[in-house]
Amino acid sequence: MVGDEVAGRDDGISGDGARLGAALRLLAGSDLVRGIALTLYYLALIATLILMYGGGRFTPPPFIYQGF
């Protein structure tokens, strides 16, 4: 088909960058790797929330109707 290939196109990726991009595309296509990455992301999110709010320093908000 005409227009499918651009002759002489230079996308600026060469050497190690091209290999890294190819490896990332290969890994992103794997359901196992995507599942592991997503699991690690959610575990990191939960760990961050525990670190931020897990100290037991909770103070309840004041009761809104205590003046009535």
PDB file of N, CA and C in Angstrom:
ATOM      1  N   MET A   1       0.826  -1.179   0.000  1.00  0.00           N
ATOM      2  CA  MET A   1       0.000   0.000   0.000  1.00  0.00           C
ATOM      3  C   MET A   1       0.868   1.240   0.000  1.00  0.00           C
ATOM      4  N   VAL A   2       0.384   2.232  -0.643  1.00  0.00           N
ATOM      5  CA  VAL A   2       1.105   3.494  -0.693  1.00  0.00           C
ATOM      6  C   VAL A   2       0.902   4.212   0.633  1.00  0.00           C
ATOM      7  N   GLY A   3       1.977   4.733   1.186  1.00  0.00           N
ATOM      8  CA  GLY A   3       1.893   5.485   2.428  1.00  0.00           C
ATOM      9  C   GLY A   3       2.120   4.654   3.677  1.00  0.00           C
ATOM     10  N   ASP A   4       2.265   3.337   3.540  1.00  0.00           N
ATOM     11  CA  ASP A   4       2.500   2.515   4.720  1.00  0.00           C
ATOM     12  C   ASP A   4       3.912   2.695   5.256  1.00  0.00           C
ATOM     13  N   GLU A   5       4.838   2.977   4.386  1.00  0.00           N
ATOM     14  CA  GLU A   5       6.217   3.144   4.794  1.00  0.00           C
ATOM     15  C   GLU A   5       6.694   4.533   4.406  1.00  0.00           C
ATOM     16  N   VAL A   6       7.417   5.141   5.278  1.00  0.00           N
ATOM     17  CA  VAL A   6       7.999   6.442   4.993  1.00  0.00           C
ATOM     18  C   VAL A   6       9.481   6.210   4.764  1.00  0.00           C
ATOM     19  N   ALA A   7       9.918   6.442   3.557  1.00  0.00           N
ATOM     20  CA  ALA A   7      11.318   6.191   3.210  1.00  0.00           C
ATOM     21  C   ALA A   7      12.211   7.197   3.920  1.00  0.00           C
ATOM     22  N   GLY A   8      13.253   6.681   4.534  1.00  0.00           N
ATOM     23  CA  GLY A   8      14.238   7.540   5.175  1.00  0.00           C
ATOM     24  C   GLY A   8      13.778   8.139   6.488  1.00  0.00           C
ATOM     25  N   ARG A   9      12.768   7.600   7.074  1.00  0.00           N
ATOM     26  CA  ARG A   9      12.272   8.140   8.344  1.00  0.00           C
ATOM     27  C   ARG A   9      13.278   7.890   9.448  1.00  0.00           C
ATOM     28  N   ASP A  10      13.541   8.929  10.228  1.00  0.00           N
ATOM     29  CA  ASP A  10      14.454   8.820  11.358  1.00  0.00           C
ATOM     30  C   ASP A  10      13.700   9.254  12.600  1.00  0.00           C
ATOM     31  N   ASP A  11      13.373   8.288  13.478  1.00  0.00           N
ATOM     32  CA  ASP A  11      12.611   8.632  14.670  1.00  0.00           C
ATOM     33  C   ASP A  11      13.508   8.997  15.845  1.00  0.00           C
ATOM     34  N   GLY A  12      14.799   9.053  15.633  1.00  0.00           N
ATOM     35  CA  GLY A  12      15.717   9.472  16.672  1.00  0.00           C
ATOM     36  C   GLY A  12      16.112   8.382  17.640  1.00  0.00           C
ATOM     37  N   ILE A  13      15.626   7.183  17.449  1.00  0.00           N
ATOM     38  CA  ILE A  13      15.962   6.076  18.341  1.00  0.00           C
ATOM     39  C   ILE A  13      16.971   5.192  17.630  1.00  0.00           C
ATOM     40  N   SER A  14      18.098   4.989  18.274  1.00  0.00           N
ATOM     41  CA  SER A  14      19.106   4.113  17.687  1.00  0.00           C
ATOM     42  C   SER A  14      19.871   3.419  18.801  1.00  0.00           C
ATOM     43  N   GLY A  15      20.488   2.337  18.475  1.00  0.00           N
ATOM     44  CA  GLY A  15      21.343   1.624  19.426  1.00  0.00           C
ATOM     45  C   GLY A  15      20.570   1.066  20.593  1.00  0.00           C
ATOM     46  N   ASP A  16      21.008   1.429  21.808  1.00  0.00           N
ATOM     47  CA  ASP A  16      20.414   0.896  23.039  1.00  0.00           C
ATOM     48  C   ASP A  16      18.956   1.316  23.207  1.00  0.00           C
ATOM     49  N   GLY A  17      18.620   2.529  22.778  1.00  0.00           N
ATOM     50  CA  GLY A  17      17.242   2.996  22.900  1.00  0.00           C
ATOM     51  C   GLY A  17      16.283   2.155  22.095  1.00  0.00           C
ATOM     52  N   ALA A  18      16.704   1.767  20.900  1.00  0.00           N
ATOM     53  CA  ALA A  18      15.849   0.936  20.053  1.00  0.00           C
ATOM     54  C   ALA A  18      15.682  -0.458  20.659  1.00  0.00           C
ATOM     55  N   ARG A  19      16.752  -0.994  21.217  1.00  0.00           N
ATOM     56  CA  ARG A  19      16.663  -2.318  21.855  1.00  0.00           C
ATOM     57  C   ARG A  19      15.776  -2.255  23.094  1.00  0.00           C
ATOM     58  N   LEU A  20      15.915  -1.185  23.876  1.00  0.00           N
ATOM     59  CA  LEU A  20      15.086  -1.030  25.072  1.00  0.00           C
ATOM     60  C   LEU A  20      13.617  -0.901  24.689  1.00  0.00           C
ATOM     61  N   GLY A  21      13.335  -0.117  23.660  1.00  0.00           N
ATOM     62  CA  GLY A  21      11.955   0.043  23.203  1.00  0.00           C
ATOM     63  C   GLY A  21      11.367  -1.266  22.730  1.00  0.00           C
ATOM     64  N   ALA A  22      12.166  -2.039  21.999  1.00  0.00           N
ATOM     65  CA  ALA A  22      11.689  -3.334  21.513  1.00  0.00           C
ATOM     66  C   ALA A  22      11.434  -4.282  22.683  1.00  0.00           C
ATOM     67  N   ALA A  23      12.309  -4.264  23.684  1.00  0.00           N
ATOM     68  CA  ALA A  23      12.129  -5.130  24.848  1.00  0.00           C
ATOM     69  C   ALA A  23      10.884  -4.728  25.638  1.00  0.00           C
ATOM     70  N   LEU A  24      10.656  -3.421  25.784  1.00  0.00           N
ATOM     71  CA  LEU A  24       9.468  -2.971  26.508  1.00  0.00           C
ATOM     72  C   LEU A  24       8.190  -3.319  25.765  1.00  0.00           C
ATOM     73  N   ARG A  25       8.206  -3.215  24.442  1.00  0.00           N
ATOM     74  CA  ARG A  25       7.028  -3.599  23.673  1.00  0.00           C
ATOM     75  C   ARG A  25       6.756  -5.098  23.812  1.00  0.00           C
ATOM     76  N   LEU A  26       7.818  -5.889  23.825  1.00  0.00           N
ATOM     77  CA  LEU A  26       7.668  -7.331  23.980  1.00  0.00           C
ATOM     78  C   LEU A  26       7.102  -7.667  25.355  1.00  0.00           C
ATOM     79  N   LEU A  27       7.630  -7.021  26.403  1.00  0.00           N
ATOM     80  CA  LEU A  27       7.155  -7.286  27.754  1.00  0.00           C
ATOM     81  C   LEU A  27       5.738  -6.774  27.959  1.00  0.00           C
ATOM     82  N   ALA A  28       5.402  -5.633  27.382  1.00  0.00           N
ATOM     83  CA  ALA A  28       4.061  -5.078  27.545  1.00  0.00           C
ATOM     84  C   ALA A  28       3.016  -5.948  26.870  1.00  0.00           C
ATOM     85  N   GLY A  29       3.423  -6.715  25.892  1.00  0.00           N
ATOM     86  CA  GLY A  29       2.491  -7.607  25.209  1.00  0.00           C
ATOM     87  C   GLY A  29       2.221  -8.887  25.967  1.00  0.00           C
ATOM     88  N   SER A  30       2.986  -9.155  26.999  1.00  0.00           N
ATOM     89  CA  SER A  30       2.823 -10.381  27.772  1.00  0.00           C
ATOM     90  C   SER A  30       1.812 -10.161  28.896  1.00  0.00           C
ATOM     91  N   ASP A  31       0.789 -11.005  28.932  1.00  0.00           N
ATOM     92  CA  ASP A  31      -0.220 -10.889  29.987  1.00  0.00           C
ATOM     93  C   ASP A  31       0.380 -11.162  31.362  1.00  0.00           C
ATOM     94  N   LEU A  32       1.329 -12.073  31.450  1.00  0.00           N
ATOM     95  CA  LEU A  32       1.951 -12.393  32.728  1.00  0.00           C
ATOM     96  C   LEU A  32       2.713 -11.184  33.266  1.00  0.00           C
ATOM     97  N   VAL A  33       3.503 -10.548  32.425  1.00  0.00           N
ATOM     98  CA  VAL A  33       4.296  -9.392  32.863  1.00  0.00           C
ATOM     99  C   VAL A  33       3.375  -8.235  33.238  1.00  0.00           C
ATOM    100  N   ARG A  34       2.330  -8.020  32.448  1.00  0.00           N
ATOM    101  CA  ARG A  34       1.391  -6.944  32.768  1.00  0.00           C
ATOM    102  C   ARG A  34       0.691  -7.220  34.089  1.00  0.00           C
ATOM    103  N   GLY A  35       0.338  -8.470  34.348  1.00  0.00           N
ATOM    104  CA  GLY A  35      -0.306  -8.825  35.613  1.00  0.00           C
ATOM    105  C   GLY A  35       0.609  -8.622  36.802  1.00  0.00           C
ATOM    106  N   ILE A  36       1.866  -9.010  36.639  1.00  0.00           N
ATOM    107  CA  ILE A  36       2.848  -8.818  37.719  1.00  0.00           C
ATOM    108  C   ILE A  36       3.068  -7.331  37.974  1.00  0.00           C
ATOM    109  N   ALA A  37       3.213  -6.549  36.910  1.00  0.00           N
ATOM    110  CA  ALA A  37       3.439  -5.107  37.060  1.00  0.00           C
ATOM    111  C   ALA A  37       2.252  -4.429  37.737  1.00  0.00           C
ATOM    112  N   LEU A  38       1.046  -4.824  37.360  1.00  0.00           N
ATOM    113  CA  LEU A  38      -0.146  -4.247  37.964  1.00  0.00           C
ATOM    114  C   LEU A  38      -0.253  -4.637  39.436  1.00  0.00           C
ATOM    115  N   THR A  39       0.084  -5.875  39.765  1.00  0.00           N
ATOM    116  CA  THR A  39       0.065  -6.320  41.155  1.00  0.00           C
ATOM    117  C   THR A  39       1.077  -5.549  41.986  1.00  0.00           C
ATOM    118  N   LEU A  40       2.278  -5.361  41.457  1.00  0.00           N
ATOM    119  CA  LEU A  40       3.296  -4.590  42.172  1.00  0.00           C
ATOM    120  C   LEU A  40       2.863  -3.140  42.357  1.00  0.00           C
ATOM    121  N   TYR A  41       2.202  -2.573  41.354  1.00  0.00           N
ATOM    122  CA  TYR A  41       1.714  -1.203  41.457  1.00  0.00           C
ATOM    123  C   TYR A  41       0.702  -1.077  42.597  1.00  0.00           C
ATOM    124  N   TYR A  42      -0.258  -1.992  42.657  1.00  0.00           N
ATOM    125  CA  TYR A  42      -1.268  -1.920  43.705  1.00  0.00           C
ATOM    126  C   TYR A  42      -0.683  -2.199  45.088  1.00  0.00           C
ATOM    127  N   LEU A  43       0.282  -3.096  45.184  1.00  0.00           N
ATOM    128  CA  LEU A  43       0.939  -3.337  46.472  1.00  0.00           C
ATOM    129  C   LEU A  43       1.694  -2.100  46.944  1.00  0.00           C
ATOM    130  N   ALA A  44       2.354  -1.417  46.014  1.00  0.00           N
ATOM    131  CA  ALA A  44       3.057  -0.179  46.368  1.00  0.00           C
ATOM    132  C   ALA A  44       2.065   0.893  46.807  1.00  0.00           C
ATOM    133  N   LEU A  45       0.928   0.959  46.157  1.00  0.00           N
ATOM    134  CA  LEU A  45      -0.100   1.923  46.530  1.00  0.00           C
ATOM    135  C   LEU A  45      -0.632   1.638  47.934  1.00  0.00           C
ATOM    136  N   ILE A  46      -0.910   0.388  48.228  1.00  0.00           N
ATOM    137  CA  ILE A  46      -1.402   0.001  49.555  1.00  0.00           C
ATOM    138  C   ILE A  46      -0.335   0.274  50.612  1.00  0.00           C
ATOM    139  N   ALA A  47       0.929  -0.056  50.310  1.00  0.00           N
ATOM    140  CA  ALA A  47       2.012   0.194  51.265  1.00  0.00           C
ATOM    141  C   ALA A  47       2.158   1.688  51.545  1.00  0.00           C
ATOM    142  N   THR A  48       2.005   2.508  50.528  1.00  0.00           N
ATOM    143  CA  THR A  48       2.095   3.954  50.725  1.00  0.00           C
ATOM    144  C   THR A  48       0.972   4.455  51.615  1.00  0.00           C
ATOM    145  N   LEU A  49      -0.235   3.961  51.389  1.00  0.00           N
ATOM    146  CA  LEU A  49      -1.358   4.364  52.235  1.00  0.00           C
ATOM    147  C   LEU A  49      -1.167   3.919  53.680  1.00  0.00           C
ATOM    148  N   ILE A  50      -0.620   2.722  53.866  1.00  0.00           N
ATOM    149  CA  ILE A  50      -0.349   2.243  55.223  1.00  0.00           C
ATOM    150  C   ILE A  50       0.703   3.111  55.891  1.00  0.00           C
ATOM    151  N   LEU A  51       1.744   3.489  55.155  1.00  0.00           N
ATOM    152  CA  LEU A  51       2.775   4.353  55.724  1.00  0.00           C
ATOM    153  C   LEU A  51       2.222   5.737  56.067  1.00  0.00           C
ATOM    154  N   MET A  52       1.337   6.235  55.246  1.00  0.00           N
ATOM    155  CA  MET A  52       0.792   7.564  55.490  1.00  0.00           C
ATOM    156  C   MET A  52      -0.226   7.582  56.627  1.00  0.00           C
ATOM    157  N   TYR A  53      -1.090   6.574  56.688  1.00  0.00           N
ATOM    158  CA  TYR A  53      -2.209   6.615  57.618  1.00  0.00           C
ATOM    159  C   TYR A  53      -2.205   5.481  58.634  1.00  0.00           C
ATOM    160  N   GLY A  54      -1.196   4.653  58.644  1.00  0.00           N
ATOM    161  CA  GLY A  54      -1.190   3.496  59.518  1.00  0.00           C
ATOM    162  C   GLY A  54      -0.597   3.734  60.881  1.00  0.00           C
ATOM    163  N   GLY A  55      -0.311   4.971  61.231  1.00  0.00           N
ATOM    164  CA  GLY A  55       0.307   5.257  62.518  1.00  0.00           C
ATOM    165  C   GLY A  55      -0.654   5.269  63.675  1.00  0.00           C
ATOM    166  N   GLY A  56      -1.940   5.141  63.426  1.00  0.00           N
ATOM    167  CA  GLY A  56      -2.916   5.135  64.502  1.00  0.00           C
ATOM    168  C   GLY A  56      -3.183   6.519  65.068  1.00  0.00           C
ATOM    169  N   ARG A  57      -2.840   7.540  64.351  1.00  0.00           N
ATOM    170  CA  ARG A  57      -3.029   8.904  64.834  1.00  0.00           C
ATOM    171  C   ARG A  57      -4.327   9.487  64.260  1.00  0.00           C
ATOM    172  N   PHE A  58      -5.404   8.799  64.483  1.00  0.00           N
ATOM    173  CA  PHE A  58      -6.680   9.249  63.943  1.00  0.00           C
ATOM    174  C   PHE A  58      -7.408  10.096  64.975  1.00  0.00           C
ATOM    175  N   THR A  59      -7.903  11.211  64.544  1.00  0.00           N
ATOM    176  CA  THR A  59      -8.756  12.019  65.403  1.00  0.00           C
ATOM    177  C   THR A  59     -10.074  12.197  64.661  1.00  0.00           C
ATOM    178  N   PRO A  60     -11.152  11.842  65.297  1.00  0.00           N
ATOM    179  CA  PRO A  60     -12.438  11.983  64.614  1.00  0.00           C
ATOM    180  C   PRO A  60     -12.788  13.459  64.443  1.00  0.00           C
ATOM    181  N   PRO A  61     -13.538  13.772  63.426  1.00  0.00           N
ATOM    182  CA  PRO A  61     -13.949  15.166  63.251  1.00  0.00           C
ATOM    183  C   PRO A  61     -14.914  15.568  64.364  1.00  0.00           C
ATOM    184  N   PRO A  62     -14.969  16.850  64.661  1.00  0.00           N
ATOM    185  CA  PRO A  62     -15.907  17.267  65.714  1.00  0.00           C
ATOM    186  C   PRO A  62     -17.345  17.027  65.262  1.00  0.00           C
ATOM    187  N   PHE A  63     -18.168  16.731  66.245  1.00  0.00           N
ATOM    188  CA  PHE A  63     -19.568  16.467  65.939  1.00  0.00           C
ATOM    189  C   PHE A  63     -20.209  17.755  65.465  1.00  0.00           C
ATOM    190  N   ILE A  64     -20.846  17.711  64.326  1.00  0.00           N
ATOM    191  CA  ILE A  64     -21.323  18.936  63.688  1.00  0.00           C
ATOM    192  C   ILE A  64     -22.510  19.561  64.427  1.00  0.00           C
ATOM    193  N   TYR A  65     -23.281  18.763  65.144  1.00  0.00           N
ATOM    194  CA  TYR A  65     -24.489  19.278  65.779  1.00  0.00           C
ATOM    195  C   TYR A  65     -24.315  19.477  67.284  1.00  0.00           C
ATOM    196  N   GLN A  66     -23.111  19.593  67.792  1.00  0.00           N
ATOM    197  CA  GLN A  66     -22.949  19.671  69.233  1.00  0.00           C
ATOM    198  C   GLN A  66     -23.420  21.017  69.805  1.00  0.00           C
ATOM    199  N   GLY A  67     -23.602  22.018  68.977  1.00  0.00           N
ATOM    200  CA  GLY A  67     -24.085  23.307  69.478  1.00  0.00           C
ATOM    201  C   GLY A  67     -25.597  23.384  69.575  1.00  0.00           C
ATOM    202  N   PHE A  68     -26.332  22.381  69.154  1.00  0.00           N
ATOM    203  CA  PHE A  68     -27.807  22.447  69.161  1.00  0.00           C
ATOM    204  C   PHE A  68     -28.381  21.780  70.357  1.00  0.00           C
TER     205      PHE A  68
END
